[in-house]
Amino acid sequence: MNQYDIPFLPNEYYHVFNRAVGAELIALDDENYRYFLETIVEYFLRVANIHCYNMLPNHFHIFLRIKDFKELANAHAKLHSGKQLIEPHAPEFVLQQFGNCFNSYTKSFNKYHHRKGRLFMESLKRSLIQDDNYFTKIVHYIHANPVQHGICNSIGEWHHSSYHAYLNSHKSFLKKEEVLSWFGGLEGFIEFHKQPIALKITHEI
């Protein structure tokens, strides 16, 4: 099964990522990044809990857990006038919310920048993460992505990721307590993010 066909199953963890079509960019200024995050929160939180994210000029990464079936069914009922969600159709419902997110952002981005056409690649790539020993590695990988691509020199320099949200005590849509527990607390989180970051040869995701 390739990265485009993996079903989004209730209670499972996934690393999702996608990029802009061709040489396009998904964000050209801070307002774009702000609105893209707002749109992700609006649509993704209907069906998933977000653990970390990073938005880069031409692609993004999100680590999330799909909500349990009862929560998905409740969300489906709210969006479809009480219509019941059948469990085998849950992955389709989740994917629909993700697609709606990108369609909504694309429409706003196109209007804002006076452009037309698709902005994202058609298929959303995803990896099923079942080994909880890998959770800390995927969080670090996502936060370190701008450094890997040569956009900045350190994780803390990039302000369009969830990294800084973990350094303060402000309320957040992120599952902060759960994520910090994987690192043994805030100090462990900070230390883990100090490890060397290998630079990529290519900017492709």
N, C-alpha and C. Protein backbone atom coordinates (compact mmCIF):
# COMPACT_ATOMS: atom_id res chain seq x y z
N MET A 1 0.85 -1.20 0.00
CA MET A 1 0.00 0.00 0.00
C MET A 1 0.88 1.25 0.00
N ASN A 2 0.66 2.16 -0.97
CA ASN A 2 1.50 3.35 -1.04
C ASN A 2 1.00 4.44 -0.09
N GLN A 3 1.73 5.54 -0.04
CA GLN A 3 1.45 6.60 0.93
C GLN A 3 0.18 7.39 0.63
N TYR A 4 -0.42 7.14 -0.51
CA TYR A 4 -1.65 7.84 -0.87
C TYR A 4 -2.90 7.02 -0.55
N ASP A 5 -2.74 5.74 -0.26
CA ASP A 5 -3.90 4.85 -0.08
C ASP A 5 -4.09 4.39 1.36
N ILE A 6 -3.19 4.71 2.26
CA ILE A 6 -3.31 4.27 3.64
C ILE A 6 -4.58 4.88 4.26
N PRO A 7 -5.49 4.06 4.78
CA PRO A 7 -6.74 4.61 5.34
C PRO A 7 -6.52 5.30 6.68
N PHE A 8 -7.28 6.35 6.93
CA PHE A 8 -7.22 7.05 8.22
C PHE A 8 -8.18 6.38 9.19
N LEU A 9 -7.65 5.52 10.05
CA LEU A 9 -8.45 4.72 10.97
C LEU A 9 -8.56 5.39 12.33
N PRO A 10 -9.69 5.23 13.00
CA PRO A 10 -9.87 5.81 14.34
C PRO A 10 -8.77 5.38 15.30
N ASN A 11 -8.32 6.33 16.12
CA ASN A 11 -7.34 6.11 17.18
C ASN A 11 -5.91 5.86 16.71
N GLU A 12 -5.66 5.92 15.42
CA GLU A 12 -4.31 5.67 14.92
C GLU A 12 -3.55 6.99 14.71
N TYR A 13 -2.22 6.91 14.81
CA TYR A 13 -1.34 8.06 14.62
C TYR A 13 -0.81 8.09 13.19
N TYR A 14 -0.73 9.30 12.62
CA TYR A 14 -0.25 9.46 11.25
C TYR A 14 0.64 10.69 11.12
N HIS A 15 1.61 10.56 10.26
CA HIS A 15 2.40 11.70 9.79
C HIS A 15 1.84 12.03 8.41
N VAL A 16 1.26 13.21 8.25
CA VAL A 16 0.69 13.61 6.96
C VAL A 16 1.51 14.77 6.40
N PHE A 17 1.67 14.77 5.11
CA PHE A 17 2.45 15.82 4.47
C PHE A 17 2.05 15.97 3.01
N ASN A 18 2.22 17.19 2.52
CA ASN A 18 1.90 17.47 1.12
C ASN A 18 2.66 18.72 0.70
N ARG A 19 2.71 18.93 -0.60
CA ARG A 19 3.43 20.07 -1.13
C ARG A 19 2.61 20.78 -2.19
N ALA A 20 3.08 21.95 -2.54
CA ALA A 20 2.42 22.72 -3.60
C ALA A 20 2.72 22.10 -4.96
N VAL A 21 1.85 22.36 -5.93
CA VAL A 21 2.07 21.86 -7.27
C VAL A 21 3.24 22.60 -7.92
N GLY A 22 4.03 21.87 -8.70
CA GLY A 22 5.12 22.48 -9.45
C GLY A 22 6.04 23.32 -8.58
N ALA A 23 6.30 24.53 -9.04
CA ALA A 23 7.18 25.44 -8.31
C ALA A 23 6.39 26.45 -7.47
N GLU A 24 5.10 26.19 -7.28
CA GLU A 24 4.26 27.11 -6.50
C GLU A 24 4.65 27.08 -5.02
N LEU A 25 4.19 28.08 -4.28
CA LEU A 25 4.39 28.16 -2.84
C LEU A 25 3.02 28.16 -2.16
N ILE A 26 2.94 27.58 -0.97
CA ILE A 26 1.66 27.55 -0.27
C ILE A 26 1.50 28.75 0.66
N ALA A 27 2.59 29.49 0.87
CA ALA A 27 2.53 30.69 1.70
C ALA A 27 3.56 31.69 1.21
N LEU A 28 3.13 32.93 1.03
CA LEU A 28 4.03 33.98 0.54
C LEU A 28 4.32 35.03 1.59
N ASP A 29 3.52 35.04 2.68
CA ASP A 29 3.75 36.03 3.74
C ASP A 29 3.19 35.49 5.05
N ASP A 30 3.40 36.25 6.12
CA ASP A 30 2.96 35.82 7.44
C ASP A 30 1.45 35.64 7.51
N GLU A 31 0.71 36.46 6.80
CA GLU A 31 -0.74 36.35 6.80
C GLU A 31 -1.17 35.01 6.22
N ASN A 32 -0.48 34.55 5.17
CA ASN A 32 -0.79 33.24 4.60
C ASN A 32 -0.55 32.13 5.62
N TYR A 33 0.58 32.18 6.30
CA TYR A 33 0.88 31.15 7.31
C TYR A 33 -0.17 31.16 8.42
N ARG A 34 -0.54 32.35 8.86
CA ARG A 34 -1.52 32.47 9.94
C ARG A 34 -2.85 31.88 9.50
N TYR A 35 -3.29 32.23 8.31
CA TYR A 35 -4.59 31.75 7.84
C TYR A 35 -4.57 30.26 7.54
N PHE A 36 -3.45 29.77 7.02
CA PHE A 36 -3.35 28.33 6.74
C PHE A 36 -3.48 27.54 8.04
N LEU A 37 -2.82 28.02 9.11
CA LEU A 37 -2.93 27.33 10.39
C LEU A 37 -4.36 27.39 10.92
N GLU A 38 -5.01 28.52 10.80
CA GLU A 38 -6.41 28.65 11.23
C GLU A 38 -7.30 27.66 10.48
N THR A 39 -7.05 27.51 9.20
CA THR A 39 -7.86 26.60 8.38
C THR A 39 -7.60 25.15 8.77
N ILE A 40 -6.35 24.81 9.03
CA ILE A 40 -6.01 23.47 9.49
C ILE A 40 -6.73 23.17 10.80
N VAL A 41 -6.67 24.10 11.73
CA VAL A 41 -7.32 23.91 13.03
C VAL A 41 -8.82 23.71 12.85
N GLU A 42 -9.43 24.53 12.01
CA GLU A 42 -10.88 24.46 11.81
C GLU A 42 -11.32 23.09 11.30
N TYR A 43 -10.62 22.57 10.30
CA TYR A 43 -11.05 21.33 9.67
C TYR A 43 -10.45 20.07 10.30
N PHE A 44 -9.16 20.12 10.62
CA PHE A 44 -8.50 18.93 11.15
C PHE A 44 -9.03 18.54 12.52
N LEU A 45 -9.30 19.53 13.37
CA LEU A 45 -9.73 19.20 14.73
C LEU A 45 -11.12 18.58 14.78
N ARG A 46 -11.84 18.61 13.69
CA ARG A 46 -13.12 17.90 13.64
C ARG A 46 -12.91 16.40 13.75
N VAL A 47 -11.78 15.94 13.23
CA VAL A 47 -11.57 14.49 13.12
C VAL A 47 -10.26 13.99 13.72
N ALA A 48 -9.41 14.90 14.18
CA ALA A 48 -8.09 14.47 14.66
C ALA A 48 -7.56 15.38 15.77
N ASN A 49 -6.65 14.84 16.54
CA ASN A 49 -5.88 15.62 17.51
C ASN A 49 -4.51 15.89 16.91
N ILE A 50 -4.07 17.14 16.96
CA ILE A 50 -2.79 17.51 16.36
C ILE A 50 -1.70 17.54 17.44
N HIS A 51 -0.60 16.85 17.18
CA HIS A 51 0.51 16.80 18.13
C HIS A 51 1.65 17.75 17.75
N CYS A 52 1.89 17.91 16.49
CA CYS A 52 2.86 18.92 16.05
C CYS A 52 2.65 19.20 14.58
N TYR A 53 3.22 20.32 14.12
CA TYR A 53 3.07 20.70 12.71
C TYR A 53 4.23 21.58 12.31
N ASN A 54 4.42 21.72 11.02
CA ASN A 54 5.36 22.69 10.47
C ASN A 54 4.87 23.09 9.10
N MET A 55 4.80 24.40 8.88
CA MET A 55 4.39 24.93 7.59
C MET A 55 5.59 25.62 6.95
N LEU A 56 6.00 25.15 5.79
CA LEU A 56 7.13 25.71 5.07
C LEU A 56 6.64 26.36 3.79
N PRO A 57 7.52 27.09 3.08
CA PRO A 57 7.04 27.81 1.90
C PRO A 57 6.32 26.95 0.87
N ASN A 58 6.81 25.73 0.63
CA ASN A 58 6.19 24.93 -0.43
C ASN A 58 5.61 23.60 0.04
N HIS A 59 5.63 23.32 1.36
CA HIS A 59 5.04 22.08 1.85
C HIS A 59 4.76 22.18 3.35
N PHE A 60 4.12 21.16 3.88
CA PHE A 60 3.81 21.15 5.31
C PHE A 60 3.90 19.71 5.85
N HIS A 61 4.04 19.60 7.17
CA HIS A 61 4.04 18.32 7.87
C HIS A 61 3.15 18.44 9.09
N ILE A 62 2.37 17.40 9.38
CA ILE A 62 1.54 17.36 10.58
C ILE A 62 1.60 15.95 11.17
N PHE A 63 1.77 15.86 12.49
CA PHE A 63 1.69 14.58 13.19
C PHE A 63 0.41 14.61 14.01
N LEU A 64 -0.45 13.64 13.80
CA LEU A 64 -1.78 13.67 14.43
C LEU A 64 -2.27 12.28 14.79
N ARG A 65 -3.31 12.26 15.58
CA ARG A 65 -4.02 11.01 15.88
C ARG A 65 -5.48 11.19 15.50
N ILE A 66 -6.02 10.26 14.74
CA ILE A 66 -7.43 10.31 14.38
C ILE A 66 -8.27 10.05 15.64
N LYS A 67 -9.35 10.78 15.80
CA LYS A 67 -10.21 10.62 16.98
C LYS A 67 -10.90 9.26 16.94
N ASP A 68 -11.49 8.86 18.07
CA ASP A 68 -12.17 7.57 18.11
C ASP A 68 -13.47 7.65 17.31
N PHE A 69 -14.05 6.48 17.04
CA PHE A 69 -15.21 6.46 16.14
C PHE A 69 -16.38 7.27 16.68
N LYS A 70 -16.60 7.22 17.99
CA LYS A 70 -17.71 7.97 18.57
C LYS A 70 -17.57 9.46 18.30
N GLU A 71 -16.35 9.97 18.45
CA GLU A 71 -16.11 11.39 18.18
C GLU A 71 -16.29 11.70 16.70
N LEU A 72 -15.85 10.81 15.85
CA LEU A 72 -16.03 11.00 14.41
C LEU A 72 -17.51 10.99 14.04
N ALA A 73 -18.25 10.08 14.66
CA ALA A 73 -19.69 10.00 14.39
C ALA A 73 -20.41 11.27 14.83
N ASN A 74 -20.01 11.81 15.98
CA ASN A 74 -20.61 13.06 16.46
C ASN A 74 -20.31 14.21 15.50
N ALA A 75 -19.07 14.28 15.03
CA ALA A 75 -18.69 15.34 14.09
C ALA A 75 -19.46 15.19 12.79
N HIS A 76 -19.61 13.97 12.32
CA HIS A 76 -20.35 13.71 11.09
C HIS A 76 -21.81 14.14 11.23
N ALA A 77 -22.41 13.83 12.38
CA ALA A 77 -23.80 14.19 12.62
C ALA A 77 -24.00 15.70 12.61
N LYS A 78 -23.05 16.43 13.19
CA LYS A 78 -23.14 17.90 13.23
C LYS A 78 -23.03 18.50 11.84
N LEU A 79 -22.21 17.89 11.01
CA LEU A 79 -21.98 18.42 9.67
C LEU A 79 -23.02 17.97 8.65
N HIS A 80 -23.74 16.90 8.99
CA HIS A 80 -24.68 16.33 8.01
C HIS A 80 -26.07 16.15 8.59
N SER A 81 -26.51 17.15 9.34
CA SER A 81 -27.89 17.21 9.85
C SER A 81 -28.32 15.93 10.57
N GLY A 82 -27.43 15.40 11.41
CA GLY A 82 -27.76 14.25 12.21
C GLY A 82 -27.59 12.90 11.52
N LYS A 83 -27.15 12.89 10.28
CA LYS A 83 -26.99 11.64 9.54
C LYS A 83 -25.93 10.78 10.21
N GLN A 84 -26.23 9.48 10.37
CA GLN A 84 -25.32 8.57 11.05
C GLN A 84 -24.14 8.19 10.18
N LEU A 85 -22.95 8.13 10.79
CA LEU A 85 -21.75 7.69 10.09
C LEU A 85 -21.60 6.18 10.27
N ILE A 86 -21.44 5.48 9.18
CA ILE A 86 -21.21 4.03 9.23
C ILE A 86 -19.70 3.81 9.39
N GLU A 87 -19.33 2.96 10.33
CA GLU A 87 -17.91 2.83 10.70
C GLU A 87 -16.98 2.55 9.52
N PRO A 88 -17.35 1.67 8.56
CA PRO A 88 -16.43 1.45 7.43
C PRO A 88 -16.18 2.72 6.60
N HIS A 89 -17.06 3.72 6.73
CA HIS A 89 -16.91 4.95 5.97
C HIS A 89 -16.15 6.03 6.74
N ALA A 90 -15.70 5.71 7.95
CA ALA A 90 -14.98 6.69 8.76
C ALA A 90 -13.73 7.22 8.07
N PRO A 91 -12.87 6.36 7.49
CA PRO A 91 -11.67 6.88 6.81
C PRO A 91 -12.01 7.86 5.69
N GLU A 92 -13.09 7.58 4.98
CA GLU A 92 -13.52 8.46 3.88
C GLU A 92 -13.96 9.82 4.43
N PHE A 93 -14.65 9.80 5.55
CA PHE A 93 -15.11 11.04 6.18
C PHE A 93 -13.91 11.88 6.64
N VAL A 94 -12.92 11.23 7.25
CA VAL A 94 -11.71 11.92 7.70
C VAL A 94 -10.99 12.57 6.52
N LEU A 95 -10.79 11.80 5.47
CA LEU A 95 -10.09 12.31 4.29
C LEU A 95 -10.85 13.47 3.67
N GLN A 96 -12.17 13.40 3.72
CA GLN A 96 -12.99 14.49 3.17
C GLN A 96 -12.74 15.80 3.92
N GLN A 97 -12.60 15.72 5.25
CA GLN A 97 -12.34 16.92 6.03
C GLN A 97 -10.98 17.51 5.69
N PHE A 98 -10.00 16.65 5.50
CA PHE A 98 -8.68 17.14 5.11
C PHE A 98 -8.74 17.80 3.73
N GLY A 99 -9.43 17.16 2.81
CA GLY A 99 -9.57 17.74 1.47
C GLY A 99 -10.30 19.07 1.50
N ASN A 100 -11.35 19.15 2.33
CA ASN A 100 -12.08 20.41 2.46
C ASN A 100 -11.19 21.52 3.00
N CYS A 101 -10.28 21.14 3.89
CA CYS A 101 -9.34 22.12 4.45
C CYS A 101 -8.48 22.73 3.34
N PHE A 102 -7.91 21.89 2.52
CA PHE A 102 -7.01 22.38 1.47
C PHE A 102 -7.77 23.14 0.38
N ASN A 103 -8.98 22.70 0.09
CA ASN A 103 -9.79 23.42 -0.88
C ASN A 103 -10.16 24.82 -0.38
N SER A 104 -10.51 24.89 0.90
CA SER A 104 -10.87 26.18 1.50
C SER A 104 -9.69 27.14 1.49
N TYR A 105 -8.53 26.62 1.88
CA TYR A 105 -7.34 27.49 1.90
C TYR A 105 -6.97 27.92 0.49
N THR A 106 -7.04 27.01 -0.46
CA THR A 106 -6.68 27.34 -1.84
C THR A 106 -7.56 28.47 -2.37
N LYS A 107 -8.86 28.40 -2.11
CA LYS A 107 -9.77 29.44 -2.58
C LYS A 107 -9.39 30.80 -2.00
N SER A 108 -9.09 30.83 -0.71
CA SER A 108 -8.71 32.09 -0.07
C SER A 108 -7.36 32.58 -0.57
N PHE A 109 -6.40 31.65 -0.71
CA PHE A 109 -5.07 31.99 -1.20
C PHE A 109 -5.15 32.56 -2.61
N ASN A 110 -5.94 31.92 -3.46
CA ASN A 110 -6.09 32.37 -4.84
C ASN A 110 -6.72 33.77 -4.92
N LYS A 111 -7.71 34.01 -4.08
CA LYS A 111 -8.34 35.32 -4.06
C LYS A 111 -7.37 36.38 -3.56
N TYR A 112 -6.62 36.04 -2.53
CA TYR A 112 -5.66 36.96 -1.90
C TYR A 112 -4.54 37.35 -2.87
N HIS A 113 -4.11 36.36 -3.67
CA HIS A 113 -2.95 36.59 -4.55
C HIS A 113 -3.35 36.67 -6.03
N HIS A 114 -4.65 36.76 -6.31
CA HIS A 114 -5.14 36.92 -7.67
C HIS A 114 -4.60 35.83 -8.60
N ARG A 115 -4.74 34.59 -8.17
CA ARG A 115 -4.30 33.47 -9.00
C ARG A 115 -5.46 32.50 -9.18
N LYS A 116 -5.25 31.49 -10.04
CA LYS A 116 -6.26 30.48 -10.29
C LYS A 116 -5.62 29.10 -10.28
N GLY A 117 -6.46 28.08 -10.10
CA GLY A 117 -5.98 26.70 -10.21
C GLY A 117 -5.62 26.04 -8.90
N ARG A 118 -5.20 24.79 -9.00
CA ARG A 118 -4.82 24.01 -7.83
C ARG A 118 -3.58 24.59 -7.16
N LEU A 119 -3.51 24.42 -5.87
CA LEU A 119 -2.34 24.87 -5.12
C LEU A 119 -1.55 23.68 -4.58
N PHE A 120 -2.25 22.64 -4.13
CA PHE A 120 -1.62 21.45 -3.54
C PHE A 120 -1.64 20.28 -4.51
N MET A 121 -0.69 19.37 -4.33
CA MET A 121 -0.74 18.10 -5.04
C MET A 121 -2.05 17.42 -4.69
N GLU A 122 -2.61 16.68 -5.62
CA GLU A 122 -3.95 16.11 -5.43
C GLU A 122 -4.03 15.16 -4.25
N SER A 123 -3.06 14.29 -4.09
CA SER A 123 -3.12 13.27 -3.05
C SER A 123 -2.31 13.66 -1.82
N LEU A 124 -2.91 13.43 -0.66
CA LEU A 124 -2.25 13.71 0.62
C LEU A 124 -1.41 12.50 1.03
N LYS A 125 -0.12 12.71 1.19
CA LYS A 125 0.75 11.62 1.62
C LYS A 125 0.58 11.40 3.11
N ARG A 126 0.65 10.14 3.54
CA ARG A 126 0.58 9.85 4.97
C ARG A 126 1.33 8.56 5.28
N SER A 127 1.82 8.52 6.52
CA SER A 127 2.48 7.33 7.04
C SER A 127 1.81 6.97 8.36
N LEU A 128 1.49 5.71 8.53
CA LEU A 128 0.91 5.21 9.77
C LEU A 128 2.04 4.99 10.77
N ILE A 129 1.96 5.63 11.94
CA ILE A 129 3.01 5.52 12.95
C ILE A 129 2.47 4.67 14.11
N GLN A 130 2.91 3.43 14.19
CA GLN A 130 2.40 2.51 15.21
C GLN A 130 3.39 2.24 16.33
N ASP A 131 4.65 2.58 16.13
CA ASP A 131 5.68 2.36 17.15
C ASP A 131 5.82 3.62 17.99
N ASP A 132 5.39 3.58 19.26
CA ASP A 132 5.44 4.79 20.08
C ASP A 132 6.87 5.23 20.40
N ASN A 133 7.84 4.37 20.16
CA ASN A 133 9.24 4.77 20.32
C ASN A 133 9.67 5.75 19.23
N TYR A 134 8.86 5.82 18.17
CA TYR A 134 9.16 6.70 17.04
C TYR A 134 8.52 8.07 17.20
N PHE A 135 7.63 8.23 18.20
CA PHE A 135 6.90 9.48 18.36
C PHE A 135 7.84 10.67 18.55
N THR A 136 8.84 10.52 19.42
CA THR A 136 9.77 11.63 19.66
C THR A 136 10.57 11.96 18.40
N LYS A 137 10.91 10.93 17.64
CA LYS A 137 11.70 11.16 16.43
C LYS A 137 10.90 11.92 15.38
N ILE A 138 9.61 11.58 15.23
CA ILE A 138 8.81 12.26 14.21
C ILE A 138 8.54 13.71 14.61
N VAL A 139 8.36 13.96 15.91
CA VAL A 139 8.17 15.35 16.38
C VAL A 139 9.42 16.17 16.08
N HIS A 140 10.57 15.61 16.40
CA HIS A 140 11.83 16.32 16.12
C HIS A 140 12.03 16.51 14.62
N TYR A 141 11.75 15.48 13.84
CA TYR A 141 11.91 15.57 12.40
C TYR A 141 11.07 16.69 11.82
N ILE A 142 9.82 16.78 12.26
CA ILE A 142 8.92 17.81 11.74
C ILE A 142 9.39 19.20 12.15
N HIS A 143 9.79 19.37 13.40
CA HIS A 143 10.26 20.67 13.85
C HIS A 143 11.59 21.06 13.19
N ALA A 144 12.39 20.06 12.84
CA ALA A 144 13.71 20.33 12.26
C ALA A 144 13.67 20.51 10.75
N ASN A 145 12.52 20.30 10.13
CA ASN A 145 12.44 20.30 8.68
C ASN A 145 12.96 21.57 8.00
N PRO A 146 12.67 22.77 8.53
CA PRO A 146 13.21 23.97 7.89
C PRO A 146 14.74 24.03 7.90
N VAL A 147 15.35 23.47 8.93
CA VAL A 147 16.81 23.42 9.00
C VAL A 147 17.33 22.44 7.96
N GLN A 148 16.67 21.30 7.84
CA GLN A 148 17.08 20.30 6.85
C GLN A 148 17.04 20.85 5.44
N HIS A 149 16.10 21.75 5.18
CA HIS A 149 15.96 22.32 3.84
C HIS A 149 16.76 23.61 3.66
N GLY A 150 17.54 23.98 4.68
CA GLY A 150 18.38 25.16 4.56
C GLY A 150 17.65 26.47 4.64
N ILE A 151 16.43 26.47 5.17
CA ILE A 151 15.64 27.70 5.28
C ILE A 151 16.11 28.54 6.47
N CYS A 152 16.58 27.87 7.52
CA CYS A 152 17.10 28.56 8.70
C CYS A 152 18.21 27.72 9.31
N ASN A 153 18.86 28.25 10.33
CA ASN A 153 20.01 27.56 10.91
C ASN A 153 19.70 26.78 12.18
N SER A 154 18.55 27.06 12.79
CA SER A 154 18.17 26.33 14.00
C SER A 154 16.66 26.23 14.07
N ILE A 155 16.19 25.25 14.82
CA ILE A 155 14.75 25.02 14.94
C ILE A 155 14.02 26.25 15.48
N GLY A 156 14.63 26.91 16.46
CA GLY A 156 13.99 28.05 17.09
C GLY A 156 13.84 29.27 16.20
N GLU A 157 14.59 29.33 15.09
CA GLU A 157 14.51 30.48 14.20
C GLU A 157 13.22 30.50 13.37
N TRP A 158 12.61 29.33 13.18
CA TRP A 158 11.43 29.23 12.32
C TRP A 158 10.18 29.37 13.18
N HIS A 159 9.29 30.27 12.80
CA HIS A 159 8.13 30.58 13.65
C HIS A 159 6.81 30.06 13.09
N HIS A 160 6.87 29.18 12.12
CA HIS A 160 5.63 28.65 11.55
C HIS A 160 5.50 27.16 11.85
N SER A 161 5.95 26.78 13.03
CA SER A 161 5.82 25.40 13.48
C SER A 161 5.25 25.40 14.89
N SER A 162 5.01 24.22 15.42
CA SER A 162 4.48 24.09 16.78
C SER A 162 5.56 24.14 17.84
N TYR A 163 6.82 24.22 17.44
CA TYR A 163 7.92 24.15 18.41
C TYR A 163 7.78 25.16 19.54
N HIS A 164 7.55 26.42 19.21
CA HIS A 164 7.51 27.47 20.24
C HIS A 164 6.31 27.32 21.16
N ALA A 165 5.23 26.71 20.68
CA ALA A 165 4.05 26.51 21.53
C ALA A 165 4.38 25.60 22.71
N TYR A 166 5.37 24.73 22.54
CA TYR A 166 5.74 23.82 23.62
C TYR A 166 6.66 24.46 24.66
N LEU A 167 7.15 25.64 24.36
CA LEU A 167 8.08 26.31 25.28
C LEU A 167 7.36 27.26 26.23
N ASN A 168 6.06 27.45 26.05
CA ASN A 168 5.31 28.33 26.94
C ASN A 168 4.14 27.58 27.56
N SER A 169 3.48 28.22 28.50
CA SER A 169 2.38 27.58 29.22
C SER A 169 1.01 27.99 28.71
N HIS A 170 0.95 28.66 27.57
CA HIS A 170 -0.32 29.11 27.02
C HIS A 170 -1.17 27.93 26.56
N LYS A 171 -2.48 28.10 26.63
CA LYS A 171 -3.38 27.08 26.14
C LYS A 171 -3.22 26.92 24.63
N SER A 172 -3.43 25.72 24.15
CA SER A 172 -3.21 25.45 22.73
C SER A 172 -4.13 24.33 22.26
N PHE A 173 -4.38 24.29 20.96
CA PHE A 173 -5.13 23.18 20.37
C PHE A 173 -4.28 21.92 20.31
N LEU A 174 -2.99 22.06 20.52
CA LEU A 174 -2.07 20.92 20.48
C LEU A 174 -2.23 20.05 21.72
N LYS A 175 -1.89 18.79 21.60
CA LYS A 175 -1.90 17.87 22.74
C LYS A 175 -0.56 17.99 23.47
N LYS A 176 -0.35 19.14 24.10
CA LYS A 176 0.96 19.46 24.66
C LYS A 176 1.39 18.51 25.78
N GLU A 177 0.48 18.24 26.72
CA GLU A 177 0.85 17.39 27.84
C GLU A 177 1.25 15.99 27.36
N GLU A 178 0.50 15.46 26.43
CA GLU A 178 0.81 14.13 25.90
C GLU A 178 2.16 14.11 25.22
N VAL A 179 2.41 15.10 24.38
CA VAL A 179 3.67 15.15 23.65
C VAL A 179 4.86 15.33 24.59
N LEU A 180 4.74 16.26 25.54
CA LEU A 180 5.85 16.48 26.47
C LEU A 180 6.13 15.23 27.31
N SER A 181 5.09 14.45 27.58
CA SER A 181 5.29 13.22 28.36
C SER A 181 6.17 12.22 27.59
N TRP A 182 6.10 12.25 26.26
CA TRP A 182 6.93 11.35 25.46
C TRP A 182 8.41 11.66 25.66
N PHE A 183 8.72 12.92 25.95
CA PHE A 183 10.10 13.36 26.13
C PHE A 183 10.51 13.37 27.60
N GLY A 184 9.59 12.99 28.48
CA GLY A 184 9.88 13.03 29.91
C GLY A 184 9.74 14.42 30.51
N GLY A 185 9.05 15.31 29.80
CA GLY A 185 8.84 16.67 30.29
C GLY A 185 9.45 17.72 29.38
N LEU A 186 9.28 18.98 29.77
CA LEU A 186 9.77 20.09 28.93
C LEU A 186 11.28 20.07 28.75
N GLU A 187 12.03 19.82 29.82
CA GLU A 187 13.49 19.81 29.71
C GLU A 187 13.95 18.75 28.72
N GLY A 188 13.32 17.58 28.78
CA GLY A 188 13.67 16.52 27.84
C GLY A 188 13.33 16.90 26.42
N PHE A 189 12.20 17.59 26.24
CA PHE A 189 11.79 18.08 24.92
C PHE A 189 12.84 19.02 24.36
N ILE A 190 13.27 19.97 25.17
CA ILE A 190 14.27 20.95 24.72
C ILE A 190 15.59 20.28 24.39
N GLU A 191 16.04 19.37 25.25
CA GLU A 191 17.32 18.69 25.02
C GLU A 191 17.27 17.84 23.76
N PHE A 192 16.15 17.14 23.54
CA PHE A 192 16.02 16.30 22.36
C PHE A 192 16.11 17.13 21.09
N HIS A 193 15.61 18.35 21.14
CA HIS A 193 15.64 19.21 19.96
C HIS A 193 16.99 19.89 19.74
N LYS A 194 17.94 19.63 20.61
CA LYS A 194 19.29 20.19 20.44
C LYS A 194 20.19 19.26 19.65
N GLN A 195 19.73 18.06 19.35
CA GLN A 195 20.59 17.10 18.65
C GLN A 195 20.91 17.59 17.24
N PRO A 196 22.03 17.16 16.69
CA PRO A 196 22.44 17.59 15.34
C PRO A 196 21.39 17.24 14.30
N ILE A 197 21.27 18.08 13.29
CA ILE A 197 20.29 17.89 12.22
C ILE A 197 21.02 17.72 10.90
N ALA A 198 20.79 16.58 10.26
CA ALA A 198 21.44 16.29 8.98
C ALA A 198 20.73 17.07 7.88
N LEU A 199 21.51 17.78 7.06
CA LEU A 199 20.92 18.54 5.97
C LEU A 199 20.58 17.62 4.80
N LYS A 200 19.46 17.90 4.13
CA LYS A 200 19.07 17.13 2.97
C LYS A 200 19.77 17.67 1.73
N ILE A 201 19.98 16.79 0.77
CA ILE A 201 20.60 17.20 -0.49
C ILE A 201 19.56 17.87 -1.38
N THR A 202 18.33 17.38 -1.33
CA THR A 202 17.26 17.92 -2.18
C THR A 202 16.19 18.60 -1.34
N HIS A 203 15.47 19.50 -1.92
CA HIS A 203 14.37 20.18 -1.24
C HIS A 203 13.05 19.49 -1.47
N GLU A 204 13.06 18.35 -2.14
CA GLU A 204 11.82 17.61 -2.34
C GLU A 204 11.41 16.94 -1.05
N ILE A 205 10.09 16.79 -0.82
CA ILE A 205 9.64 16.07 0.37
C ILE A 205 9.37 14.61 0.01
